[in-house]
PDB file of N, CA and C in Angstrom:
ATOM      1  N   UNK A   1     -95.432 -62.451 -16.105  1.00  0.00           N
ATOM      2  CA  UNK A   1     -95.911 -63.011 -15.423  1.00  0.00           C
ATOM      3  C   UNK A   1     -96.328 -63.355 -14.265  1.00  0.00           C
ATOM      4  N   UNK A   2     -97.403 -61.723 -13.822  1.00  0.00           N
ATOM      5  CA  UNK A   2     -98.538 -61.956 -13.885  1.00  0.00           C
ATOM      6  C   UNK A   2     -99.063 -62.735 -14.486  1.00  0.00           C
ATOM      7  N   UNK A   3     -99.879 -62.081 -16.092  1.00  0.00           N
ATOM      8  CA  UNK A   3    -100.739 -62.704 -16.489  1.00  0.00           C
ATOM      9  C   UNK A   3     -99.905 -63.850 -17.180  1.00  0.00           C
ATOM     10  N   UNK A   4     -99.302 -64.432 -16.954  1.00  0.00           N
ATOM     11  CA  UNK A   4     -98.894 -66.013 -17.232  1.00  0.00           C
ATOM     12  C   UNK A   4    -100.140 -67.036 -16.129  1.00  0.00           C
ATOM     13  N   UNK A   5     -99.751 -66.176 -14.492  1.00  0.00           N
ATOM     14  CA  UNK A   5    -100.585 -66.383 -13.668  1.00  0.00           C
ATOM     15  C   UNK A   5    -102.093 -66.368 -13.343  1.00  0.00           C
ATOM     16  N   UNK A   6    -102.347 -65.243 -14.070  1.00  0.00           N
ATOM     17  CA  UNK A   6    -104.070 -65.635 -14.111  1.00  0.00           C
ATOM     18  C   UNK A   6    -104.447 -65.893 -15.087  1.00  0.00           C
ATOM     19  N   UNK A   7    -103.843 -66.907 -16.280  1.00  0.00           N
ATOM     20  CA  UNK A   7    -104.134 -66.689 -16.990  1.00  0.00           C
ATOM     21  C   UNK A   7    -103.744 -69.002 -16.605  1.00  0.00           C
ATOM     22  N   UNK A   8    -102.890 -68.790 -16.480  1.00  0.00           N
ATOM     23  CA  UNK A   8    -102.849 -70.141 -15.657  1.00  0.00           C
ATOM     24  C   UNK A   8    -103.510 -70.435 -14.251  1.00  0.00           C
ATOM     25  N   UNK A   9    -103.736 -70.057 -13.912  1.00  0.00           N
ATOM     26  CA  UNK A   9    -104.721 -69.944 -11.982  1.00  0.00           C
ATOM     27  C   UNK A   9    -106.069 -69.965 -12.586  1.00  0.00           C
ATOM     28  N   UNK A  10    -106.658 -69.755 -13.873  1.00  0.00           N
ATOM     29  CA  UNK A  10    -108.586 -69.379 -14.322  1.00  0.00           C
ATOM     30  C   UNK A  10    -108.568 -70.576 -15.131  1.00  0.00           C
ATOM     31  N   UNK A  11    -109.666 -71.423 -14.057  1.00  0.00           N
ATOM     32  CA  UNK A  11    -110.602 -72.718 -13.886  1.00  0.00           C
ATOM     33  C   UNK A  11    -111.787 -72.540 -14.305  1.00  0.00           C
ATOM     34  N   UNK A  12    -112.298 -72.879 -14.800  1.00  0.00           N
ATOM     35  CA  UNK A  12    -114.036 -73.181 -15.449  1.00  0.00           C
ATOM     36  C   UNK A  12    -115.286 -74.074 -15.520  1.00  0.00           C
ATOM     37  N   UNK A  13    -115.431 -75.055 -14.921  1.00  0.00           N
ATOM     38  CA  UNK A  13    -115.809 -76.527 -15.176  1.00  0.00           C
ATOM     39  C   UNK A  13    -117.593 -75.988 -14.705  1.00  0.00           C
ATOM     40  N   UNK A  14    -117.782 -76.528 -15.859  1.00  0.00           N
ATOM     41  CA  UNK A  14    -119.024 -76.808 -16.380  1.00  0.00           C
ATOM     42  C   UNK A  14    -119.846 -78.013 -16.379  1.00  0.00           C
ATOM     43  N   UNK A  15    -121.428 -78.172 -15.490  1.00  0.00           N
ATOM     44  CA  UNK A  15    -121.960 -79.962 -15.124  1.00  0.00           C
ATOM     45  C   UNK A  15    -122.738 -80.030 -15.532  1.00  0.00           C
ATOM     46  N   UNK A  16    -123.851 -80.582 -16.815  1.00  0.00           N
ATOM     47  CA  UNK A  16    -124.565 -80.222 -16.985  1.00  0.00           C
ATOM     48  C   UNK A  16    -125.709 -80.679 -15.849  1.00  0.00           C
ATOM     49  N   UNK A  17    -127.134 -80.305 -15.691  1.00  0.00           N
ATOM     50  CA  UNK A  17    -127.760 -80.578 -14.534  1.00  0.00           C
ATOM     51  C   UNK A  17    -127.119 -79.840 -13.801  1.00  0.00           C
ATOM     52  N   UNK A  18    -125.900 -79.332 -12.600  1.00  0.00           N
ATOM     53  CA  UNK A  18    -125.703 -78.945 -11.549  1.00  0.00           C
ATOM     54  C   UNK A  18    -125.205 -78.186 -12.069  1.00  0.00           C
ATOM     55  N   UNK A  19    -124.314 -76.789 -12.705  1.00  0.00           N
ATOM     56  CA  UNK A  19    -123.318 -75.940 -12.302  1.00  0.00           C
ATOM     57  C   UNK A  19    -123.007 -75.110 -13.070  1.00  0.00           C
ATOM     58  N   UNK A  20    -121.871 -74.664 -12.739  1.00  0.00           N
ATOM     59  CA  UNK A  20    -121.086 -74.273 -13.012  1.00  0.00           C
ATOM     60  C   UNK A  20    -120.117 -73.643 -12.156  1.00  0.00           C
ATOM     61  N   UNK A  21    -118.888 -73.847 -12.511  1.00  0.00           N
ATOM     62  CA  UNK A  21    -117.276 -73.754 -11.352  1.00  0.00           C
ATOM     63  C   UNK A  21    -116.450 -72.588 -11.670  1.00  0.00           C
ATOM     64  N   UNK A  22    -116.729 -71.403 -11.174  1.00  0.00           N
ATOM     65  CA  UNK A  22    -115.159 -70.478 -12.770  1.00  0.00           C
ATOM     66  C   UNK A  22    -114.454 -70.004 -11.424  1.00  0.00           C
ATOM     67  N   UNK A  23    -112.776 -70.573 -11.617  1.00  0.00           N
ATOM     68  CA  UNK A  23    -111.968 -69.656 -10.351  1.00  0.00           C
ATOM     69  C   UNK A  23    -110.982 -69.079 -11.284  1.00  0.00           C
ATOM     70  N   UNK A  24    -110.847 -67.855 -10.233  1.00  0.00           N
ATOM     71  CA  UNK A  24    -110.055 -67.136 -11.396  1.00  0.00           C
ATOM     72  C   UNK A  24    -109.056 -65.590 -10.036  1.00  0.00           C
ATOM     73  N   UNK A  25    -108.253 -66.071 -11.017  1.00  0.00           N
ATOM     74  CA  UNK A  25    -107.274 -64.599  -9.823  1.00  0.00           C
ATOM     75  C   UNK A  25    -107.440 -63.899  -9.594  1.00  0.00           C
ATOM     76  N   UNK A  26    -107.255 -63.017  -8.812  1.00  0.00           N
ATOM     77  CA  UNK A  26    -107.570 -61.172  -8.711  1.00  0.00           C
ATOM     78  C   UNK A  26    -105.919 -60.887  -8.233  1.00  0.00           C
ATOM     79  N   UNK A  27    -105.404 -60.043  -8.582  1.00  0.00           N
ATOM     80  CA  UNK A  27    -103.651 -59.924  -8.246  1.00  0.00           C
ATOM     81  C   UNK A  27    -104.217 -59.007  -6.952  1.00  0.00           C
ATOM     82  N   UNK A  28    -103.381 -58.376  -6.181  1.00  0.00           N
ATOM     83  CA  UNK A  28    -103.394 -57.821  -5.559  1.00  0.00           C
ATOM     84  C   UNK A  28    -102.183 -57.810  -4.051  1.00  0.00           C
ATOM     85  N   UNK A  29    -101.984 -56.625  -3.377  1.00  0.00           N
ATOM     86  CA  UNK A  29    -100.785 -55.903  -2.150  1.00  0.00           C
ATOM     87  C   UNK A  29    -100.121 -57.749  -2.451  1.00  0.00           C
ATOM     88  N   UNK A  30    -100.726 -58.898  -2.241  1.00  0.00           N
ATOM     89  CA  UNK A  30     -99.153 -59.809  -1.387  1.00  0.00           C
ATOM     90  C   UNK A  30     -98.760 -59.406  -3.048  1.00  0.00           C
ATOM     91  N   UNK A  31     -99.533 -60.189  -3.961  1.00  0.00           N
ATOM     92  CA  UNK A  31     -98.639 -61.287  -5.151  1.00  0.00           C
ATOM     93  C   UNK A  31     -97.560 -59.831  -6.241  1.00  0.00           C
ATOM     94  N   UNK A  32     -98.388 -58.048  -5.733  1.00  0.00           N
ATOM     95  CA  UNK A  32     -96.796 -57.455  -6.738  1.00  0.00           C
ATOM     96  C   UNK A  32     -95.642 -57.456  -4.729  1.00  0.00           C
ATOM     97  N   UNK A  33     -96.167 -57.617  -3.544  1.00  0.00           N
ATOM     98  CA  UNK A  33     -94.801 -57.834  -3.131  1.00  0.00           C
ATOM     99  C   UNK A  33     -93.787 -58.936  -2.614  1.00  0.00           C
ATOM    100  N   UNK A  34     -94.777 -60.197  -3.576  1.00  0.00           N
ATOM    101  CA  UNK A  34     -94.008 -61.000  -4.388  1.00  0.00           C
ATOM    102  C   UNK A  34     -93.146 -61.073  -4.894  1.00  0.00           C
ATOM    103  N   UNK A  35     -94.025 -60.211  -6.160  1.00  0.00           N
ATOM    104  CA  UNK A  35     -92.631 -59.879  -7.415  1.00  0.00           C
ATOM    105  C   UNK A  35     -91.247 -59.368  -6.946  1.00  0.00           C
ATOM    106  N   UNK A  36     -92.621 -57.672  -6.274  1.00  0.00           N
ATOM    107  CA  UNK A  36     -90.759 -57.310  -6.114  1.00  0.00           C
ATOM    108  C   UNK A  36     -89.646 -57.289  -4.655  1.00  0.00           C
ATOM    109  N   UNK A  37     -90.063 -58.693  -4.129  1.00  0.00           N
ATOM    110  CA  UNK A  37     -89.228 -58.844  -3.682  1.00  0.00           C
ATOM    111  C   UNK A  37     -88.023 -59.859  -4.200  1.00  0.00           C
ATOM    112  N   UNK A  38     -89.167 -60.602  -5.386  1.00  0.00           N
ATOM    113  CA  UNK A  38     -88.762 -61.389  -5.836  1.00  0.00           C
ATOM    114  C   UNK A  38     -87.337 -61.139  -6.760  1.00  0.00           C
ATOM    115  N   UNK A  39     -88.030 -59.805  -7.383  1.00  0.00           N
ATOM    116  CA  UNK A  39     -86.720 -59.149  -8.258  1.00  0.00           C
ATOM    117  C   UNK A  39     -85.524 -58.375  -8.027  1.00  0.00           C
ATOM    118  N   UNK A  40     -85.875 -57.977  -5.939  1.00  0.00           N
ATOM    119  CA  UNK A  40     -84.712 -57.352  -6.052  1.00  0.00           C
ATOM    120  C   UNK A  40     -84.538 -58.757  -5.559  1.00  0.00           C
ATOM    121  N   UNK A  41     -84.112 -59.465  -5.418  1.00  0.00           N
ATOM    122  CA  UNK A  41     -83.728 -60.463  -4.841  1.00  0.00           C
ATOM    123  C   UNK A  41     -82.790 -60.799  -5.548  1.00  0.00           C
ATOM    124  N   UNK A  42     -83.133 -61.184  -7.092  1.00  0.00           N
ATOM    125  CA  UNK A  42     -82.948 -61.367  -8.804  1.00  0.00           C
ATOM    126  C   UNK A  42     -81.323 -60.182  -8.325  1.00  0.00           C
ATOM    127  N   UNK A  43     -82.094 -59.276  -8.706  1.00  0.00           N
ATOM    128  CA  UNK A  43     -81.135 -58.115  -8.711  1.00  0.00           C
ATOM    129  C   UNK A  43     -79.489 -57.603  -8.264  1.00  0.00           C
ATOM    130  N   UNK A  44     -79.795 -57.772  -6.016  1.00  0.00           N
ATOM    131  CA  UNK A  44     -78.954 -57.910  -5.188  1.00  0.00           C
ATOM    132  C   UNK A  44     -78.563 -58.972  -4.726  1.00  0.00           C
ATOM    133  N   UNK A  45     -79.190 -60.211  -6.014  1.00  0.00           N
ATOM    134  CA  UNK A  45     -78.024 -62.344  -6.242  1.00  0.00           C
ATOM    135  C   UNK A  45     -76.951 -60.987  -6.635  1.00  0.00           C
ATOM    136  N   UNK A  46     -77.194 -60.767  -8.170  1.00  0.00           N
ATOM    137  CA  UNK A  46     -76.721 -60.437  -9.589  1.00  0.00           C
ATOM    138  C   UNK A  46     -75.081 -59.059  -8.707  1.00  0.00           C
ATOM    139  N   UNK A  47     -75.612 -58.336  -7.908  1.00  0.00           N
ATOM    140  CA  UNK A  47     -74.581 -56.978  -7.369  1.00  0.00           C
ATOM    141  C   UNK A  47     -73.494 -57.888  -6.030  1.00  0.00           C
ATOM    142  N   UNK A  48     -73.929 -58.664  -5.666  1.00  0.00           N
ATOM    143  CA  UNK A  48     -73.376 -59.946  -5.053  1.00  0.00           C
ATOM    144  C   UNK A  48     -72.484 -61.003  -5.546  1.00  0.00           C
ATOM    145  N   UNK A  49     -73.223 -61.254  -6.430  1.00  0.00           N
ATOM    146  CA  UNK A  49     -72.014 -61.771  -7.423  1.00  0.00           C
ATOM    147  C   UNK A  49     -70.317 -61.621  -7.716  1.00  0.00           C
ATOM    148  N   UNK A  50     -71.554 -60.529  -9.388  1.00  0.00           N
ATOM    149  CA  UNK A  50     -70.184 -58.715  -9.415  1.00  0.00           C
ATOM    150  C   UNK A  50     -69.298 -58.686  -8.528  1.00  0.00           C
ATOM    151  N   UNK A  51     -70.257 -58.108  -7.154  1.00  0.00           N
ATOM    152  CA  UNK A  51     -68.762 -57.853  -5.887  1.00  0.00           C
ATOM    153  C   UNK A  51     -67.596 -59.469  -5.276  1.00  0.00           C
ATOM    154  N   UNK A  52     -68.199 -59.723  -5.437  1.00  0.00           N
ATOM    155  CA  UNK A  52     -67.787 -61.632  -5.422  1.00  0.00           C
ATOM    156  C   UNK A  52     -65.816 -61.862  -6.483  1.00  0.00           C
ATOM    157  N   UNK A  53     -66.705 -61.826  -6.606  1.00  0.00           N
ATOM    158  CA  UNK A  53     -65.984 -61.743  -9.049  1.00  0.00           C
ATOM    159  C   UNK A  53     -64.790 -60.293  -8.909  1.00  0.00           C
ATOM    160  N   UNK A  54     -65.206 -59.450  -8.504  1.00  0.00           N
ATOM    161  CA  UNK A  54     -64.777 -58.528  -8.619  1.00  0.00           C
ATOM    162  C   UNK A  54     -63.137 -58.218  -7.623  1.00  0.00           C
ATOM    163  N   UNK A  55     -63.338 -58.875  -6.113  1.00  0.00           N
ATOM    164  CA  UNK A  55     -62.338 -59.391  -5.426  1.00  0.00           C
ATOM    165  C   UNK A  55     -61.275 -60.743  -5.348  1.00  0.00           C
ATOM    166  N   UNK A  56     -62.279 -61.356  -5.838  1.00  0.00           N
ATOM    167  CA  UNK A  56     -61.620 -62.375  -6.187  1.00  0.00           C
ATOM    168  C   UNK A  56     -60.402 -62.635  -7.208  1.00  0.00           C
ATOM    169  N   UNK A  57     -61.102 -62.158  -8.359  1.00  0.00           N
ATOM    170  CA  UNK A  57     -60.287 -62.514 -10.120  1.00  0.00           C
ATOM    171  C   UNK A  57     -58.943 -61.613  -9.296  1.00  0.00           C
ATOM    172  N   UNK A  58     -57.906 -61.406 -10.676  1.00  0.00           N
ATOM    173  CA  UNK A  58     -56.490 -61.328 -10.029  1.00  0.00           C
ATOM    174  C   UNK A  58     -57.153 -60.073 -10.900  1.00  0.00           C
ATOM    175  N   UNK A  59     -56.472 -58.804 -11.194  1.00  0.00           N
ATOM    176  CA  UNK A  59     -56.838 -57.850 -12.355  1.00  0.00           C
ATOM    177  C   UNK A  59     -56.306 -58.177 -13.052  1.00  0.00           C
ATOM    178  N   UNK A  60     -56.434 -57.875 -14.941  1.00  0.00           N
ATOM    179  CA  UNK A  60     -56.482 -58.133 -15.668  1.00  0.00           C
ATOM    180  C   UNK A  60     -55.748 -56.874 -16.520  1.00  0.00           C
ATOM    181  N   UNK A  61     -55.031 -56.759 -16.921  1.00  0.00           N
ATOM    182  CA  UNK A  61     -53.688 -55.790 -17.311  1.00  0.00           C
ATOM    183  C   UNK A  61     -54.776 -55.405 -18.557  1.00  0.00           C
ATOM    184  N   UNK A  62     -54.534 -54.184 -18.790  1.00  0.00           N
ATOM    185  CA  UNK A  62     -55.171 -53.510 -20.711  1.00  0.00           C
ATOM    186  C   UNK A  62     -54.246 -53.617 -21.008  1.00  0.00           C
ATOM    187  N   UNK A  63     -54.729 -54.559 -22.986  1.00  0.00           N
ATOM    188  CA  UNK A  63     -53.676 -55.341 -23.278  1.00  0.00           C
ATOM    189  C   UNK A  63     -52.994 -53.573 -24.327  1.00  0.00           C
ATOM    190  N   UNK A  64     -52.379 -54.167 -24.449  1.00  0.00           N
ATOM    191  CA  UNK A  64     -51.802 -52.516 -25.901  1.00  0.00           C
ATOM    192  C   UNK A  64     -51.179 -52.846 -26.932  1.00  0.00           C
ATOM    193  N   UNK A  65     -51.137 -53.849 -27.102  1.00  0.00           N
ATOM    194  CA  UNK A  65     -51.143 -54.760 -28.908  1.00  0.00           C
ATOM    195  C   UNK A  65     -51.699 -54.659 -29.828  1.00  0.00           C
ATOM    196  N   UNK A  66     -51.219 -54.735 -30.389  1.00  0.00           N
ATOM    197  CA  UNK A  66     -52.513 -54.154 -32.092  1.00  0.00           C
ATOM    198  C   UNK A  66     -54.160 -55.460 -31.643  1.00  0.00           C
ATOM    199  N   UNK A  67     -54.913 -54.899 -32.176  1.00  0.00           N
ATOM    200  CA  UNK A  67     -56.052 -55.394 -32.753  1.00  0.00           C
ATOM    201  C   UNK A  67     -56.286 -56.776 -33.612  1.00  0.00           C
ATOM    202  N   UNK A  68     -57.479 -58.008 -33.564  1.00  0.00           N
ATOM    203  CA  UNK A  68     -57.757 -58.762 -34.420  1.00  0.00           C
ATOM    204  C   UNK A  68     -58.488 -59.743 -33.774  1.00  0.00           C
ATOM    205  N   UNK A  69     -58.813 -59.917 -35.302  1.00  0.00           N
ATOM    206  CA  UNK A  69     -60.578 -60.148 -35.403  1.00  0.00           C
ATOM    207  C   UNK A  69     -60.859 -61.817 -33.959  1.00  0.00           C
ATOM    208  N   UNK A  70     -61.655 -61.616 -33.674  1.00  0.00           N
ATOM    209  CA  UNK A  70     -62.448 -62.758 -32.853  1.00  0.00           C
ATOM    210  C   UNK A  70     -61.901 -63.862 -33.579  1.00  0.00           C
ATOM    211  N   UNK A  71     -62.611 -63.935 -34.710  1.00  0.00           N
ATOM    212  CA  UNK A  71     -63.331 -65.399 -35.609  1.00  0.00           C
ATOM    213  C   UNK A  71     -61.121 -66.231 -35.646  1.00  0.00           C
ATOM    214  N   UNK A  72     -60.400 -65.104 -35.803  1.00  0.00           N
ATOM    215  CA  UNK A  72     -59.375 -65.076 -35.644  1.00  0.00           C
ATOM    216  C   UNK A  72     -57.866 -65.970 -35.095  1.00  0.00           C
ATOM    217  N   UNK A  73     -58.522 -65.332 -33.897  1.00  0.00           N
ATOM    218  CA  UNK A  73     -57.800 -65.041 -32.210  1.00  0.00           C
ATOM    219  C   UNK A  73     -57.631 -66.712 -31.532  1.00  0.00           C
ATOM    220  N   UNK A  74     -56.239 -67.481 -31.077  1.00  0.00           N
ATOM    221  CA  UNK A  74     -56.207 -68.367 -30.889  1.00  0.00           C
ATOM    222  C   UNK A  74     -56.264 -67.711 -29.209  1.00  0.00           C
ATOM    223  N   UNK A  75     -56.768 -69.080 -28.244  1.00  0.00           N
ATOM    224  CA  UNK A  75     -57.049 -69.359 -27.627  1.00  0.00           C
ATOM    225  C   UNK A  75     -56.472 -70.797 -26.663  1.00  0.00           C
ATOM    226  N   UNK A  76     -56.363 -69.317 -25.483  1.00  0.00           N
ATOM    227  CA  UNK A  76     -55.209 -70.350 -25.194  1.00  0.00           C
ATOM    228  C   UNK A  76     -56.139 -70.906 -23.743  1.00  0.00           C
ATOM    229  N   UNK A  77     -55.878 -72.552 -23.404  1.00  0.00           N
ATOM    230  CA  UNK A  77     -55.925 -72.717 -22.386  1.00  0.00           C
ATOM    231  C   UNK A  77     -55.520 -73.454 -21.349  1.00  0.00           C
ATOM    232  N   UNK A  78     -56.830 -72.994 -20.684  1.00  0.00           N
ATOM    233  CA  UNK A  78     -56.314 -71.944 -18.944  1.00  0.00           C
ATOM    234  C   UNK A  78     -55.537 -73.402 -18.210  1.00  0.00           C
ATOM    235  N   UNK A  79     -55.168 -74.369 -18.560  1.00  0.00           N
ATOM    236  CA  UNK A  79     -55.322 -75.580 -18.400  1.00  0.00           C
ATOM    237  C   UNK A  79     -53.295 -76.400 -18.821  1.00  0.00           C
ATOM    238  N   UNK A  80     -53.251 -75.084 -19.595  1.00  0.00           N
ATOM    239  CA  UNK A  80     -51.696 -75.124 -20.445  1.00  0.00           C
ATOM    240  C   UNK A  80     -51.902 -76.552 -21.157  1.00  0.00           C
ATOM    241  N   UNK A  81     -52.939 -77.287 -21.484  1.00  0.00           N
ATOM    242  CA  UNK A  81     -52.532 -78.576 -22.727  1.00  0.00           C
ATOM    243  C   UNK A  81     -52.989 -77.494 -24.293  1.00  0.00           C
ATOM    244  N   UNK A  82     -52.610 -76.757 -23.840  1.00  0.00           N
ATOM    245  CA  UNK A  82     -53.071 -76.289 -25.639  1.00  0.00           C
ATOM    246  C   UNK A  82     -53.490 -75.029 -26.012  1.00  0.00           C
ATOM    247  N   UNK A  83     -53.108 -74.495 -27.150  1.00  0.00           N
ATOM    248  CA  UNK A  83     -54.342 -73.608 -27.442  1.00  0.00           C
ATOM    249  C   UNK A  83     -55.510 -74.155 -28.743  1.00  0.00           C
ATOM    250  N   UNK A  84     -56.505 -72.586 -28.831  1.00  0.00           N
ATOM    251  CA  UNK A  84     -57.498 -73.256 -29.126  1.00  0.00           C
ATOM    252  C   UNK A  84     -57.511 -72.495 -30.116  1.00  0.00           C
ATOM    253  N   UNK A  85     -58.701 -73.060 -31.484  1.00  0.00           N
ATOM    254  CA  UNK A  85     -58.324 -71.718 -32.566  1.00  0.00           C
ATOM    255  C   UNK A  85     -60.554 -72.570 -33.021  1.00  0.00           C
ATOM    256  N   UNK A  86     -60.691 -71.013 -33.510  1.00  0.00           N
ATOM    257  CA  UNK A  86     -62.468 -71.930 -33.776  1.00  0.00           C
ATOM    258  C   UNK A  86     -61.654 -72.602 -35.527  1.00  0.00           C
ATOM    259  N   UNK A  87     -62.887 -72.882 -35.943  1.00  0.00           N
ATOM    260  CA  UNK A  87     -62.272 -73.637 -37.141  1.00  0.00           C
ATOM    261  C   UNK A  87     -63.148 -73.568 -38.125  1.00  0.00           C
ATOM    262  N   UNK A  88     -62.152 -72.445 -39.994  1.00  0.00           N
ATOM    263  CA  UNK A  88     -63.626 -72.494 -41.070  1.00  0.00           C
ATOM    264  C   UNK A  88     -65.020 -72.863 -40.867  1.00  0.00           C
ATOM    265  N   UNK A  89     -65.008 -73.763 -40.729  1.00  0.00           N
ATOM    266  CA  UNK A  89     -66.429 -74.313 -40.585  1.00  0.00           C
ATOM    267  C   UNK A  89     -67.530 -73.968 -39.535  1.00  0.00           C
ATOM    268  N   UNK A  90     -67.052 -74.093 -38.260  1.00  0.00           N
ATOM    269  CA  UNK A  90     -67.943 -73.021 -36.591  1.00  0.00           C
ATOM    270  C   UNK A  90     -67.718 -71.675 -37.455  1.00  0.00           C
ATOM    271  N   UNK A  91     -66.880 -70.577 -37.934  1.00  0.00           N
ATOM    272  CA  UNK A  91     -67.625 -69.527 -38.145  1.00  0.00           C
ATOM    273  C   UNK A  91     -68.411 -69.402 -39.001  1.00  0.00           C
ATOM    274  N   UNK A  92     -68.323 -69.880 -40.023  1.00  0.00           N
ATOM    275  CA  UNK A  92     -69.380 -70.506 -41.011  1.00  0.00           C
ATOM    276  C   UNK A  92     -70.639 -70.031 -39.771  1.00  0.00           C
ATOM    277  N   UNK A  93     -71.217 -71.405 -40.053  1.00  0.00           N
ATOM    278  CA  UNK A  93     -71.431 -71.953 -39.334  1.00  0.00           C
ATOM    279  C   UNK A  93     -72.499 -70.430 -38.775  1.00  0.00           C
ATOM    280  N   UNK A  94     -71.412 -69.685 -37.051  1.00  0.00           N
ATOM    281  CA  UNK A  94     -71.953 -69.178 -36.250  1.00  0.00           C
ATOM    282  C   UNK A  94     -72.697 -67.673 -37.311  1.00  0.00           C
ATOM    283  N   UNK A  95     -71.811 -67.530 -38.168  1.00  0.00           N
ATOM    284  CA  UNK A  95     -72.224 -66.587 -38.793  1.00  0.00           C
ATOM    285  C   UNK A  95     -73.680 -66.555 -39.902  1.00  0.00           C
ATOM    286  N   UNK A  96     -74.015 -67.732 -40.215  1.00  0.00           N
ATOM    287  CA  UNK A  96     -75.157 -68.393 -41.084  1.00  0.00           C
ATOM    288  C   UNK A  96     -76.582 -68.512 -39.352  1.00  0.00           C
ATOM    289  N   UNK A  97     -76.259 -69.071 -39.035  1.00  0.00           N
ATOM    290  CA  UNK A  97     -76.769 -68.453 -36.827  1.00  0.00           C
ATOM    291  C   UNK A  97     -77.031 -67.307 -37.655  1.00  0.00           C
ATOM    292  N   UNK A  98     -76.790 -65.934 -37.440  1.00  0.00           N
ATOM    293  CA  UNK A  98     -76.780 -65.374 -36.566  1.00  0.00           C
ATOM    294  C   UNK A  98     -77.530 -63.943 -38.408  1.00  0.00           C
ATOM    295  N   UNK A  99     -77.196 -64.831 -39.415  1.00  0.00           N
ATOM    296  CA  UNK A  99     -77.988 -64.382 -40.695  1.00  0.00           C
ATOM    297  C   UNK A  99     -79.174 -65.540 -40.934  1.00  0.00           C
ATOM    298  N   UNK A 100     -79.875 -66.613 -39.983  1.00  0.00           N
ATOM    299  CA  UNK A 100     -80.564 -67.007 -40.103  1.00  0.00           C
ATOM    300  C   UNK A 100     -81.392 -66.219 -38.824  1.00  0.00           C
ATOM    301  N   UNK A 101     -80.554 -65.803 -37.628  1.00  0.00           N
ATOM    302  CA  UNK A 101     -81.826 -64.719 -36.894  1.00  0.00           C
ATOM    303  C   UNK A 101     -82.509 -63.714 -37.342  1.00  0.00           C
ATOM    304  N   UNK A 102     -81.423 -63.326 -37.345  1.00  0.00           N
ATOM    305  CA  UNK A 102     -81.910 -61.256 -38.153  1.00  0.00           C
ATOM    306  C   UNK A 102     -82.999 -61.509 -38.768  1.00  0.00           C
ATOM    307  N   UNK A 103     -83.106 -63.094 -40.102  1.00  0.00           N
ATOM    308  CA  UNK A 103     -83.918 -63.089 -40.800  1.00  0.00           C
ATOM    309  C   UNK A 103     -85.877 -63.571 -40.734  1.00  0.00           C
ATOM    310  N   UNK A 104     -85.501 -64.326 -39.289  1.00  0.00           N
ATOM    311  CA  UNK A 104     -86.289 -64.560 -38.712  1.00  0.00           C
ATOM    312  C   UNK A 104     -87.600 -63.397 -37.585  1.00  0.00           C
ATOM    313  N   UNK A 105     -86.062 -62.252 -36.981  1.00  0.00           N
ATOM    314  CA  UNK A 105     -86.473 -61.618 -36.706  1.00  0.00           C
ATOM    315  C   UNK A 105     -87.617 -60.491 -37.600  1.00  0.00           C
ATOM    316  N   UNK A 106     -86.908 -59.829 -38.255  1.00  0.00           N
ATOM    317  CA  UNK A 106     -87.357 -58.746 -40.012  1.00  0.00           C
ATOM    318  C   UNK A 106     -88.419 -60.993 -39.944  1.00  0.00           C
TER     319      UNK A 106
END
């Protein structure tokens, strides 16, 4: 963030025969305080959301049945309208996207 702001606020204007104007940002205590307060605000917001969800959601019992692949799992629609299952085409698309991401990273 600091580097982006320094680059974004760097301004150079030159006019022939008149002079040149250079404007740049030098970070000092105010900027670092603002950055620290922003990080604290984000962390505390996530923590409060965690506490809210923990208190409002019912406890989920531990599943003690057999394990199954996530791609073959049948998902229940929360509104009771039916069951959802990943299609073979969508599963292949996910595998291709993961493979492409891995290739692009390497």
